[in-house]
Amino acid sequence: MIISVTAVASGAVLRAMNKDLGPARYAKSSYGIIRSEPYGEYNEHIIANAKGYMDKCDGVEYVRNTIYWVLKLGNIVEPEWTSDPIPCTHNIPCHPPQPLVCEETLYVSDSATESHYSWRHSKNKGSQRVGSITADFNFLRDKNLIKPTEPTFGPNGRQIGRKHYKIQYDIVIRVVDRDLKCFAIYDDHIVKQCRINISSAFSAGVK
């Protein structure tokens, strides 16, 4: 089934999201998303002695289930606040055939502020899952808008990875009053959005 995509240019989306209205607030909690990051891309992987896992699709070693804190405890948050676009990549094998569905998980913490550590790390102690956003990209394959990525071969002729679809899109997080809205944006289109009430993230009496 081809999903209905709202055709809104990302530039217009981001401009509309960034309105400076009303007094600033201080965030009482941090909000972030779960990531898989190429091993060694961040010093935190080495500091934490993180374990890398080889992705069978692209042959790259990743650190799984790290948290990137998008909105951090203590940040000044305008009544309408928008994050920078957060690039997301998902590798989905061609065989056996699988749905092109991607999910990002959102976490909250009353103390954590340091990104790139596993959700199990002591720096993220007490962090909790607060929601998720699931985007259906089957329309890319149905409309022949995406081609599989072929495996590569090393100097010794050894195959690296396997045939797969590489889905790349952006997540944008927006805070409006006491709601957190999360948008999955692909090729200047909003594919999916979700909303989470975050009243507890701000002091009582502040909009």
N, C-alpha and C. Protein backbone atom coordinates (compact mmCIF):
# COMPACT_ATOMS: atom_id res chain seq x y z
N MET A 1 0.84 -1.20 0.00
CA MET A 1 0.00 0.00 0.00
C MET A 1 0.87 1.24 0.00
N ILE A 2 0.62 2.18 -0.90
CA ILE A 2 1.39 3.41 -0.99
C ILE A 2 0.84 4.42 0.00
N ILE A 3 1.70 4.95 0.85
CA ILE A 3 1.21 5.88 1.84
C ILE A 3 0.99 7.24 1.22
N SER A 4 0.16 8.03 1.84
CA SER A 4 -0.08 9.40 1.42
C SER A 4 0.99 10.29 2.02
N VAL A 5 1.72 11.00 1.19
CA VAL A 5 2.81 11.85 1.65
C VAL A 5 2.39 13.30 1.53
N THR A 6 2.54 14.05 2.61
CA THR A 6 2.22 15.47 2.59
C THR A 6 3.32 16.24 1.91
N ALA A 7 3.04 16.89 0.80
CA ALA A 7 4.08 17.57 0.02
C ALA A 7 4.32 18.97 0.56
N VAL A 8 5.28 19.08 1.46
CA VAL A 8 5.66 20.37 2.03
C VAL A 8 7.17 20.50 1.94
N ALA A 9 7.65 21.56 1.32
CA ALA A 9 9.10 21.74 1.20
C ALA A 9 9.72 21.85 2.56
N SER A 10 10.85 21.15 2.76
CA SER A 10 11.46 21.14 4.09
C SER A 10 11.89 22.52 4.52
N GLY A 11 12.30 23.36 3.60
CA GLY A 11 12.68 24.72 3.96
C GLY A 11 11.51 25.46 4.58
N ALA A 12 10.35 25.32 3.96
CA ALA A 12 9.15 25.97 4.49
C ALA A 12 8.76 25.34 5.82
N VAL A 13 8.92 24.02 5.92
CA VAL A 13 8.60 23.32 7.16
C VAL A 13 9.44 23.88 8.29
N LEU A 14 10.74 23.98 8.07
CA LEU A 14 11.64 24.43 9.13
C LEU A 14 11.42 25.89 9.47
N ARG A 15 11.12 26.71 8.46
CA ARG A 15 10.86 28.12 8.75
C ARG A 15 9.59 28.27 9.59
N ALA A 16 8.58 27.49 9.24
CA ALA A 16 7.33 27.57 9.98
C ALA A 16 7.49 27.07 11.41
N MET A 17 8.46 26.17 11.61
CA MET A 17 8.67 25.60 12.94
C MET A 17 9.45 26.55 13.85
N ASN A 18 10.20 27.48 13.29
CA ASN A 18 11.08 28.33 14.08
C ASN A 18 10.48 29.71 14.30
N LYS A 19 9.51 29.80 15.17
CA LYS A 19 8.89 31.07 15.51
C LYS A 19 9.33 31.48 16.91
N ASP A 20 9.88 32.68 17.04
CA ASP A 20 10.34 33.16 18.33
C ASP A 20 9.23 33.96 18.98
N LEU A 21 8.44 33.29 19.79
CA LEU A 21 7.29 33.92 20.42
C LEU A 21 7.32 33.65 21.92
N GLY A 22 7.05 34.66 22.71
CA GLY A 22 6.88 34.45 24.13
C GLY A 22 8.17 34.27 24.89
N PRO A 23 8.08 34.13 26.21
CA PRO A 23 9.26 34.02 27.07
C PRO A 23 9.94 32.67 26.95
N ALA A 24 11.24 32.67 27.23
CA ALA A 24 12.00 31.43 27.19
C ALA A 24 11.70 30.57 28.41
N ARG A 25 11.87 29.27 28.27
CA ARG A 25 11.71 28.32 29.36
C ARG A 25 12.97 27.49 29.47
N TYR A 26 13.19 26.88 30.63
CA TYR A 26 14.32 25.98 30.82
C TYR A 26 13.80 24.54 30.88
N ALA A 27 14.40 23.67 30.08
CA ALA A 27 13.98 22.28 30.06
C ALA A 27 14.39 21.57 31.35
N LYS A 28 13.44 20.87 31.98
CA LYS A 28 13.72 20.12 33.20
C LYS A 28 14.11 18.67 32.89
N SER A 29 14.01 18.28 31.63
CA SER A 29 14.36 16.93 31.21
C SER A 29 15.08 16.98 29.87
N SER A 30 15.76 15.90 29.55
CA SER A 30 16.39 15.74 28.23
C SER A 30 15.55 14.79 27.39
N TYR A 31 15.48 15.08 26.08
CA TYR A 31 14.77 14.21 25.14
C TYR A 31 15.71 13.86 24.00
N GLY A 32 15.74 12.58 23.64
CA GLY A 32 16.66 12.16 22.58
C GLY A 32 16.14 10.97 21.82
N ILE A 33 16.92 10.51 20.85
CA ILE A 33 16.53 9.36 20.04
C ILE A 33 17.64 8.31 20.07
N ILE A 34 17.23 7.07 19.93
CA ILE A 34 18.16 5.95 19.86
C ILE A 34 18.84 5.94 18.50
N ARG A 35 20.16 5.66 18.51
CA ARG A 35 20.93 5.68 17.27
C ARG A 35 21.79 4.42 17.13
N SER A 36 22.19 4.13 15.90
CA SER A 36 23.30 3.24 15.62
C SER A 36 24.36 4.10 14.96
N GLU A 37 25.56 4.17 15.58
CA GLU A 37 26.61 5.07 15.12
C GLU A 37 27.83 4.26 14.68
N PRO A 38 28.46 4.64 13.56
CA PRO A 38 29.68 3.95 13.14
C PRO A 38 30.71 3.93 14.27
N TYR A 39 31.24 2.76 14.56
CA TYR A 39 32.16 2.61 15.69
C TYR A 39 33.35 3.55 15.55
N GLY A 40 33.64 4.29 16.61
CA GLY A 40 34.78 5.20 16.62
C GLY A 40 34.49 6.56 16.05
N GLU A 41 33.27 6.79 15.57
CA GLU A 41 32.93 8.11 15.02
C GLU A 41 32.96 9.18 16.12
N TYR A 42 32.68 8.75 17.34
CA TYR A 42 32.69 9.67 18.48
C TYR A 42 33.63 9.12 19.56
N ASN A 43 34.33 10.02 20.24
CA ASN A 43 35.26 9.61 21.30
C ASN A 43 34.55 8.86 22.41
N GLU A 44 33.27 9.15 22.59
CA GLU A 44 32.52 8.49 23.65
C GLU A 44 32.50 6.97 23.48
N HIS A 45 32.58 6.48 22.26
CA HIS A 45 32.62 5.04 22.03
C HIS A 45 33.87 4.43 22.67
N ILE A 46 35.00 5.13 22.52
CA ILE A 46 36.26 4.65 23.07
C ILE A 46 36.25 4.79 24.59
N ILE A 47 35.78 5.95 25.07
CA ILE A 47 35.73 6.20 26.52
C ILE A 47 34.89 5.12 27.21
N ALA A 48 33.78 4.76 26.61
CA ALA A 48 32.86 3.80 27.22
C ALA A 48 33.25 2.35 26.94
N ASN A 49 34.32 2.16 26.17
CA ASN A 49 34.72 0.80 25.78
C ASN A 49 33.55 0.07 25.13
N ALA A 50 32.87 0.79 24.25
CA ALA A 50 31.67 0.25 23.59
C ALA A 50 32.02 -0.91 22.67
N LYS A 51 31.10 -1.82 22.53
CA LYS A 51 31.28 -2.98 21.66
C LYS A 51 30.67 -2.69 20.29
N GLY A 52 31.42 -2.97 19.24
CA GLY A 52 30.94 -2.75 17.89
C GLY A 52 30.30 -4.01 17.31
N TYR A 53 29.32 -3.81 16.44
CA TYR A 53 28.63 -4.91 15.76
C TYR A 53 28.67 -4.67 14.26
N MET A 54 29.05 -5.72 13.52
CA MET A 54 29.13 -5.61 12.07
C MET A 54 27.75 -5.69 11.44
N ASP A 55 27.40 -4.69 10.64
CA ASP A 55 26.14 -4.70 9.90
C ASP A 55 26.33 -5.59 8.67
N LYS A 56 25.53 -6.63 8.55
CA LYS A 56 25.69 -7.56 7.44
C LYS A 56 25.32 -6.94 6.10
N CYS A 57 24.56 -5.83 6.13
CA CYS A 57 24.16 -5.19 4.87
C CYS A 57 25.30 -4.40 4.24
N ASP A 58 25.93 -3.52 5.02
CA ASP A 58 26.97 -2.66 4.43
C ASP A 58 28.38 -2.98 4.91
N GLY A 59 28.51 -3.95 5.82
CA GLY A 59 29.83 -4.35 6.28
C GLY A 59 30.50 -3.36 7.20
N VAL A 60 29.76 -2.39 7.71
CA VAL A 60 30.31 -1.36 8.60
C VAL A 60 30.06 -1.76 10.05
N GLU A 61 31.03 -1.45 10.92
CA GLU A 61 30.90 -1.76 12.33
C GLU A 61 30.19 -0.60 13.04
N TYR A 62 29.14 -0.90 13.78
CA TYR A 62 28.34 0.12 14.45
C TYR A 62 28.28 -0.13 15.95
N VAL A 63 28.07 0.95 16.69
CA VAL A 63 27.69 0.87 18.10
C VAL A 63 26.18 1.07 18.15
N ARG A 64 25.48 0.08 18.65
CA ARG A 64 24.03 0.11 18.64
C ARG A 64 23.47 0.77 19.91
N ASN A 65 22.26 1.29 19.75
CA ASN A 65 21.47 1.76 20.89
C ASN A 65 22.15 2.85 21.72
N THR A 66 22.85 3.75 21.04
CA THR A 66 23.32 4.94 21.74
C THR A 66 22.17 5.96 21.75
N ILE A 67 22.27 6.95 22.63
CA ILE A 67 21.24 7.99 22.67
C ILE A 67 21.86 9.32 22.26
N TYR A 68 21.22 9.98 21.31
CA TYR A 68 21.59 11.34 20.94
C TYR A 68 20.56 12.27 21.59
N TRP A 69 21.02 13.04 22.58
CA TRP A 69 20.12 13.93 23.30
C TRP A 69 19.91 15.21 22.48
N VAL A 70 18.72 15.35 21.93
CA VAL A 70 18.40 16.46 21.04
C VAL A 70 18.06 17.71 21.84
N LEU A 71 17.16 17.56 22.79
CA LEU A 71 16.79 18.64 23.71
C LEU A 71 17.35 18.27 25.07
N LYS A 72 18.23 19.12 25.62
CA LYS A 72 18.95 18.74 26.83
C LYS A 72 18.44 19.49 28.06
N LEU A 73 18.52 18.80 29.17
CA LEU A 73 18.22 19.38 30.47
C LEU A 73 18.95 20.71 30.63
N GLY A 74 18.19 21.76 31.00
CA GLY A 74 18.80 23.07 31.20
C GLY A 74 18.80 23.97 29.98
N ASN A 75 18.50 23.39 28.79
CA ASN A 75 18.43 24.22 27.58
C ASN A 75 17.32 25.26 27.71
N ILE A 76 17.57 26.44 27.13
CA ILE A 76 16.50 27.44 27.01
C ILE A 76 15.62 27.02 25.83
N VAL A 77 14.33 26.94 26.07
CA VAL A 77 13.39 26.46 25.05
C VAL A 77 12.32 27.53 24.82
N GLU A 78 12.29 28.08 23.62
CA GLU A 78 11.24 29.04 23.26
C GLU A 78 9.89 28.32 23.21
N PRO A 79 8.77 29.07 23.29
CA PRO A 79 7.46 28.43 23.19
C PRO A 79 7.32 27.59 21.92
N GLU A 80 8.02 27.98 20.86
CA GLU A 80 8.09 27.16 19.65
C GLU A 80 9.56 26.99 19.31
N TRP A 81 10.05 25.77 19.51
CA TRP A 81 11.47 25.44 19.36
C TRP A 81 11.62 24.28 18.40
N THR A 82 12.62 24.33 17.53
CA THR A 82 12.83 23.27 16.54
C THR A 82 14.29 22.86 16.50
N SER A 83 14.53 21.57 16.47
CA SER A 83 15.88 21.03 16.38
C SER A 83 16.42 21.17 14.96
N ASP A 84 17.72 21.05 14.82
CA ASP A 84 18.30 20.87 13.50
C ASP A 84 17.89 19.50 12.97
N PRO A 85 17.86 19.32 11.65
CA PRO A 85 17.54 17.99 11.10
C PRO A 85 18.56 16.95 11.59
N ILE A 86 18.06 15.79 11.98
CA ILE A 86 18.90 14.69 12.47
C ILE A 86 18.91 13.60 11.41
N PRO A 87 20.04 13.39 10.71
CA PRO A 87 20.07 12.37 9.66
C PRO A 87 19.89 10.96 10.23
N CYS A 88 19.07 10.17 9.57
CA CYS A 88 18.83 8.78 9.97
C CYS A 88 19.06 7.87 8.77
N THR A 89 19.68 6.73 9.02
CA THR A 89 19.93 5.75 7.96
C THR A 89 19.53 4.37 8.45
N HIS A 90 18.80 3.65 7.61
CA HIS A 90 18.43 2.27 7.92
C HIS A 90 18.79 1.39 6.72
N ASN A 91 19.48 0.29 6.98
CA ASN A 91 19.80 -0.69 5.95
C ASN A 91 18.84 -1.86 6.07
N ILE A 92 18.15 -2.18 4.98
CA ILE A 92 17.16 -3.25 4.98
C ILE A 92 17.52 -4.24 3.88
N PRO A 93 17.81 -5.50 4.23
CA PRO A 93 18.23 -6.48 3.21
C PRO A 93 17.16 -6.73 2.16
N CYS A 94 17.62 -7.02 0.94
CA CYS A 94 16.68 -7.33 -0.15
C CYS A 94 16.15 -8.75 -0.04
N HIS A 95 16.97 -9.65 0.51
CA HIS A 95 16.58 -11.06 0.60
C HIS A 95 16.82 -11.56 2.02
N PRO A 96 15.80 -12.11 2.66
CA PRO A 96 14.43 -12.22 2.14
C PRO A 96 13.75 -10.85 2.10
N PRO A 97 12.77 -10.66 1.21
CA PRO A 97 12.09 -9.36 1.10
C PRO A 97 11.49 -8.93 2.44
N GLN A 98 11.67 -7.67 2.77
CA GLN A 98 11.14 -7.12 4.02
C GLN A 98 10.47 -5.78 3.75
N PRO A 99 9.50 -5.40 4.58
CA PRO A 99 8.89 -4.08 4.44
C PRO A 99 9.93 -2.99 4.66
N LEU A 100 9.81 -1.90 3.93
CA LEU A 100 10.71 -0.76 4.10
C LEU A 100 10.11 0.17 5.16
N VAL A 101 10.18 -0.27 6.39
CA VAL A 101 9.60 0.46 7.52
C VAL A 101 10.71 0.78 8.51
N CYS A 102 10.80 2.03 8.92
CA CYS A 102 11.86 2.49 9.80
C CYS A 102 11.26 3.09 11.08
N GLU A 103 11.86 2.77 12.20
CA GLU A 103 11.36 3.27 13.48
C GLU A 103 12.48 3.99 14.24
N GLU A 104 12.15 5.13 14.82
CA GLU A 104 13.05 5.84 15.72
C GLU A 104 12.38 5.87 17.10
N THR A 105 13.16 5.52 18.12
CA THR A 105 12.64 5.47 19.48
C THR A 105 13.09 6.70 20.25
N LEU A 106 12.16 7.32 20.96
CA LEU A 106 12.43 8.53 21.73
C LEU A 106 12.60 8.20 23.20
N TYR A 107 13.60 8.83 23.82
CA TYR A 107 13.89 8.60 25.24
C TYR A 107 13.84 9.92 26.00
N VAL A 108 13.58 9.81 27.32
CA VAL A 108 13.56 10.97 28.20
C VAL A 108 14.43 10.66 29.41
N SER A 109 15.08 11.69 29.95
CA SER A 109 15.88 11.54 31.16
C SER A 109 15.80 12.82 31.98
N ASP A 110 15.79 12.65 33.30
CA ASP A 110 15.79 13.81 34.20
C ASP A 110 17.21 14.23 34.58
N SER A 111 18.23 13.53 34.04
CA SER A 111 19.60 13.86 34.42
C SER A 111 20.61 13.79 33.28
N ALA A 112 20.40 12.92 32.31
CA ALA A 112 21.40 12.71 31.26
C ALA A 112 21.46 13.87 30.28
N THR A 113 22.67 14.21 29.84
CA THR A 113 22.86 15.27 28.83
C THR A 113 23.95 14.92 27.83
N GLU A 114 24.72 13.86 28.08
CA GLU A 114 25.86 13.51 27.23
C GLU A 114 25.45 12.47 26.19
N SER A 115 25.60 12.83 24.92
CA SER A 115 25.19 11.95 23.83
C SER A 115 26.25 10.90 23.51
N HIS A 116 25.83 9.92 22.70
CA HIS A 116 26.69 8.90 22.10
C HIS A 116 27.06 7.76 23.05
N TYR A 117 26.43 7.70 24.21
CA TYR A 117 26.61 6.56 25.10
C TYR A 117 25.40 5.65 24.97
N SER A 118 25.61 4.35 25.19
CA SER A 118 24.52 3.39 25.15
C SER A 118 23.45 3.74 26.18
N TRP A 119 22.22 3.38 25.86
CA TRP A 119 21.13 3.62 26.80
C TRP A 119 21.34 2.83 28.09
N ARG A 120 22.19 1.80 28.04
CA ARG A 120 22.48 1.00 29.23
C ARG A 120 23.64 1.59 30.05
N HIS A 121 24.35 2.57 29.50
CA HIS A 121 25.51 3.13 30.18
C HIS A 121 25.07 3.90 31.43
N SER A 122 25.97 3.97 32.42
CA SER A 122 25.64 4.64 33.68
C SER A 122 25.28 6.11 33.48
N LYS A 123 25.82 6.74 32.43
CA LYS A 123 25.50 8.15 32.17
C LYS A 123 24.04 8.33 31.77
N ASN A 124 23.40 7.24 31.33
CA ASN A 124 21.99 7.29 30.95
C ASN A 124 21.10 6.56 31.94
N LYS A 125 21.61 6.35 33.16
CA LYS A 125 20.84 5.64 34.17
C LYS A 125 19.52 6.36 34.44
N GLY A 126 18.46 5.59 34.45
CA GLY A 126 17.14 6.15 34.70
C GLY A 126 16.42 6.65 33.46
N SER A 127 17.10 6.63 32.31
CA SER A 127 16.44 7.07 31.07
C SER A 127 15.32 6.11 30.71
N GLN A 128 14.25 6.63 30.14
CA GLN A 128 13.10 5.81 29.83
C GLN A 128 12.59 6.07 28.41
N ARG A 129 12.05 5.02 27.82
CA ARG A 129 11.41 5.15 26.51
C ARG A 129 10.13 5.95 26.68
N VAL A 130 9.95 6.97 25.83
CA VAL A 130 8.78 7.83 25.96
C VAL A 130 7.86 7.73 24.74
N GLY A 131 8.33 7.09 23.67
CA GLY A 131 7.50 6.96 22.47
C GLY A 131 8.35 6.58 21.28
N SER A 132 7.73 6.54 20.11
CA SER A 132 8.46 6.21 18.89
C SER A 132 7.73 6.79 17.69
N ILE A 133 8.45 6.87 16.58
CA ILE A 133 7.86 7.28 15.31
C ILE A 133 8.24 6.25 14.27
N THR A 134 7.24 5.71 13.59
CA THR A 134 7.45 4.67 12.58
C THR A 134 7.03 5.19 11.22
N ALA A 135 7.96 5.19 10.28
CA ALA A 135 7.70 5.72 8.94
C ALA A 135 7.73 4.59 7.91
N ASP A 136 6.72 4.56 7.07
CA ASP A 136 6.57 3.54 6.03
C ASP A 136 7.14 4.08 4.72
N PHE A 137 8.21 3.44 4.23
CA PHE A 137 8.86 3.87 2.99
C PHE A 137 8.63 2.87 1.84
N ASN A 138 7.63 2.02 1.95
CA ASN A 138 7.38 1.06 0.88
C ASN A 138 7.04 1.74 -0.43
N PHE A 139 6.55 2.99 -0.36
CA PHE A 139 6.21 3.70 -1.59
C PHE A 139 7.46 3.91 -2.46
N LEU A 140 8.64 3.96 -1.86
CA LEU A 140 9.86 4.14 -2.65
C LEU A 140 10.09 2.95 -3.58
N ARG A 141 9.89 1.76 -3.05
CA ARG A 141 10.06 0.56 -3.86
C ARG A 141 8.89 0.39 -4.82
N ASP A 142 7.68 0.65 -4.34
CA ASP A 142 6.48 0.48 -5.17
C ASP A 142 6.52 1.39 -6.40
N LYS A 143 7.06 2.61 -6.22
CA LYS A 143 7.12 3.58 -7.32
C LYS A 143 8.47 3.58 -8.02
N ASN A 144 9.31 2.60 -7.68
CA ASN A 144 10.63 2.48 -8.30
C ASN A 144 11.47 3.75 -8.09
N LEU A 145 11.36 4.32 -6.88
CA LEU A 145 12.10 5.53 -6.55
C LEU A 145 13.41 5.23 -5.82
N ILE A 146 13.67 3.96 -5.58
CA ILE A 146 14.90 3.57 -4.89
C ILE A 146 15.46 2.31 -5.52
N LYS A 147 16.76 2.25 -5.62
CA LYS A 147 17.44 1.07 -6.15
C LYS A 147 18.26 0.41 -5.05
N PRO A 148 18.36 -0.90 -5.07
CA PRO A 148 19.17 -1.58 -4.05
C PRO A 148 20.64 -1.19 -4.15
N THR A 149 21.29 -1.13 -3.00
CA THR A 149 22.73 -0.92 -2.94
C THR A 149 23.42 -2.27 -3.05
N GLU A 150 24.35 -2.38 -3.99
CA GLU A 150 25.03 -3.64 -4.22
C GLU A 150 26.20 -3.82 -3.25
N PRO A 151 26.59 -5.05 -2.95
CA PRO A 151 27.76 -5.28 -2.10
C PRO A 151 29.03 -4.82 -2.80
N THR A 152 30.05 -4.53 -2.02
CA THR A 152 31.35 -4.17 -2.58
C THR A 152 32.33 -5.33 -2.33
N PHE A 153 33.53 -5.18 -2.89
CA PHE A 153 34.53 -6.24 -2.75
C PHE A 153 35.86 -5.63 -2.33
N GLY A 154 36.51 -6.27 -1.35
CA GLY A 154 37.78 -5.80 -0.85
C GLY A 154 38.92 -6.17 -1.77
N PRO A 155 40.15 -5.71 -1.44
CA PRO A 155 41.34 -6.00 -2.27
C PRO A 155 41.58 -7.49 -2.48
N ASN A 156 41.17 -8.30 -1.49
CA ASN A 156 41.37 -9.74 -1.62
C ASN A 156 40.20 -10.45 -2.32
N GLY A 157 39.28 -9.64 -2.84
CA GLY A 157 38.13 -10.21 -3.53
C GLY A 157 37.00 -10.64 -2.63
N ARG A 158 37.14 -10.43 -1.32
CA ARG A 158 36.11 -10.83 -0.38
C ARG A 158 34.93 -9.87 -0.46
N GLN A 159 33.73 -10.43 -0.51
CA GLN A 159 32.53 -9.60 -0.58
C GLN A 159 32.30 -8.88 0.75
N ILE A 160 31.98 -7.60 0.66
CA ILE A 160 31.67 -6.80 1.84
C ILE A 160 30.20 -6.40 1.78
N GLY A 161 29.44 -6.85 2.76
CA GLY A 161 28.02 -6.55 2.78
C GLY A 161 27.22 -7.41 1.82
N ARG A 162 25.97 -7.03 1.67
CA ARG A 162 25.09 -7.74 0.74
C ARG A 162 24.07 -6.76 0.17
N LYS A 163 23.36 -7.19 -0.83
CA LYS A 163 22.41 -6.33 -1.52
C LYS A 163 21.34 -5.87 -0.53
N HIS A 164 21.12 -4.54 -0.49
CA HIS A 164 20.17 -4.01 0.49
C HIS A 164 19.63 -2.66 0.05
N TYR A 165 18.56 -2.25 0.68
CA TYR A 165 18.02 -0.90 0.50
C TYR A 165 18.56 -0.01 1.61
N LYS A 166 19.06 1.15 1.24
CA LYS A 166 19.54 2.12 2.21
C LYS A 166 18.54 3.27 2.25
N ILE A 167 17.81 3.37 3.35
CA ILE A 167 16.82 4.42 3.54
C ILE A 167 17.45 5.55 4.33
N GLN A 168 17.48 6.73 3.76
CA GLN A 168 18.06 7.90 4.43
C GLN A 168 17.03 9.02 4.49
N TYR A 169 16.83 9.56 5.67
CA TYR A 169 15.86 10.63 5.86
C TYR A 169 16.26 11.43 7.09
N ASP A 170 15.50 12.47 7.38
CA ASP A 170 15.78 13.33 8.54
C ASP A 170 14.65 13.24 9.56
N ILE A 171 15.04 13.32 10.82
CA ILE A 171 14.08 13.51 11.90
C ILE A 171 14.22 14.95 12.39
N VAL A 172 13.10 15.63 12.55
CA VAL A 172 13.08 16.98 13.12
C VAL A 172 12.15 16.96 14.32
N ILE A 173 12.65 17.46 15.44
CA ILE A 173 11.86 17.52 16.66
C ILE A 173 11.47 18.96 16.93
N ARG A 174 10.20 19.15 17.22
CA ARG A 174 9.67 20.49 17.47
C ARG A 174 8.93 20.49 18.80
N VAL A 175 9.17 21.50 19.61
CA VAL A 175 8.43 21.68 20.86
C VAL A 175 7.52 22.89 20.70
N VAL A 176 6.24 22.67 20.87
CA VAL A 176 5.24 23.75 20.80
C VAL A 176 4.48 23.73 22.11
N ASP A 177 4.62 24.82 22.89
CA ASP A 177 4.00 24.88 24.21
C ASP A 177 4.45 23.66 25.03
N ARG A 178 3.51 22.74 25.32
CA ARG A 178 3.85 21.58 26.14
C ARG A 178 3.78 20.27 25.35
N ASP A 179 3.86 20.36 24.04
CA ASP A 179 3.87 19.18 23.18
C ASP A 179 5.20 19.05 22.46
N LEU A 180 5.67 17.82 22.36
CA LEU A 180 6.84 17.52 21.52
C LEU A 180 6.33 16.84 20.26
N LYS A 181 6.66 17.41 19.10
CA LYS A 181 6.25 16.83 17.84
C LYS A 181 7.49 16.34 17.10
N CYS A 182 7.38 15.15 16.55
CA CYS A 182 8.50 14.54 15.84
C CYS A 182 8.09 14.29 14.39
N PHE A 183 8.93 14.73 13.45
CA PHE A 183 8.63 14.62 12.02
C PHE A 183 9.70 13.78 11.33
N ALA A 184 9.27 12.83 10.51
CA ALA A 184 10.16 12.11 9.61
C ALA A 184 10.04 12.75 8.24
N ILE A 185 11.15 13.31 7.73
CA ILE A 185 11.12 14.08 6.48
C ILE A 185 12.03 13.41 5.45
N TYR A 186 11.45 13.12 4.29
CA TYR A 186 12.20 12.49 3.21
C TYR A 186 12.01 13.30 1.93
N ASP A 187 13.10 13.72 1.33
CA ASP A 187 13.06 14.42 0.05
C ASP A 187 12.05 15.58 0.09
N ASP A 188 12.15 16.41 1.13
CA ASP A 188 11.31 17.60 1.29
C ASP A 188 9.84 17.28 1.53
N HIS A 189 9.55 16.08 2.01
CA HIS A 189 8.17 15.70 2.31
C HIS A 189 8.10 15.16 3.74
N ILE A 190 7.04 15.49 4.44
CA ILE A 190 6.78 14.90 5.74
C ILE A 190 6.11 13.54 5.52
N VAL A 191 6.81 12.48 5.90
CA VAL A 191 6.29 11.14 5.70
C VAL A 191 5.45 10.69 6.90
N LYS A 192 5.88 11.10 8.09
CA LYS A 192 5.18 10.69 9.30
C LYS A 192 5.43 11.72 10.39
N GLN A 193 4.48 11.87 11.30
CA GLN A 193 4.67 12.73 12.45
C GLN A 193 3.97 12.14 13.65
N CYS A 194 4.47 12.46 14.84
CA CYS A 194 3.84 12.01 16.06
C CYS A 194 3.93 13.13 17.09
N ARG A 195 3.13 13.03 18.15
CA ARG A 195 3.11 14.06 19.18
C ARG A 195 3.13 13.42 20.55
N ILE A 196 3.92 14.02 21.46
CA ILE A 196 4.02 13.54 22.83
C ILE A 196 3.85 14.73 23.76
N ASN A 197 3.01 14.59 24.77
CA ASN A 197 2.85 15.65 25.75
C ASN A 197 4.02 15.62 26.73
N ILE A 198 4.68 16.78 26.91
CA ILE A 198 5.85 16.84 27.78
C ILE A 198 5.67 17.92 28.85
N SER A 199 4.47 18.01 29.39
CA SER A 199 4.19 19.02 30.41
C SER A 199 5.19 18.96 31.56
N SER A 200 5.59 17.74 31.93
CA SER A 200 6.50 17.57 33.07
C SER A 200 7.90 18.10 32.80
N ALA A 201 8.19 18.44 31.53
CA ALA A 201 9.53 18.90 31.19
C ALA A 201 9.75 20.37 31.56
N PHE A 202 8.68 21.06 31.96
CA PHE A 202 8.80 22.48 32.28
C PHE A 202 8.18 22.78 33.65
N SER A 203 8.61 23.88 34.22
CA SER A 203 8.09 24.27 35.53
C SER A 203 6.60 24.58 35.45
N ALA A 204 5.90 24.35 36.55
CA ALA A 204 4.46 24.64 36.59
C ALA A 204 4.22 26.12 36.35
N GLY A 205 3.17 26.40 35.58
CA GLY A 205 2.80 27.78 35.32
C GLY A 205 3.45 28.39 34.10
N VAL A 206 4.38 27.63 33.47
CA VAL A 206 5.05 28.11 32.26
C VAL A 206 4.43 27.44 31.06
N LYS A 207 4.09 28.23 30.03
CA LYS A 207 3.46 27.66 28.84
C LYS A 207 4.50 26.91 28.02
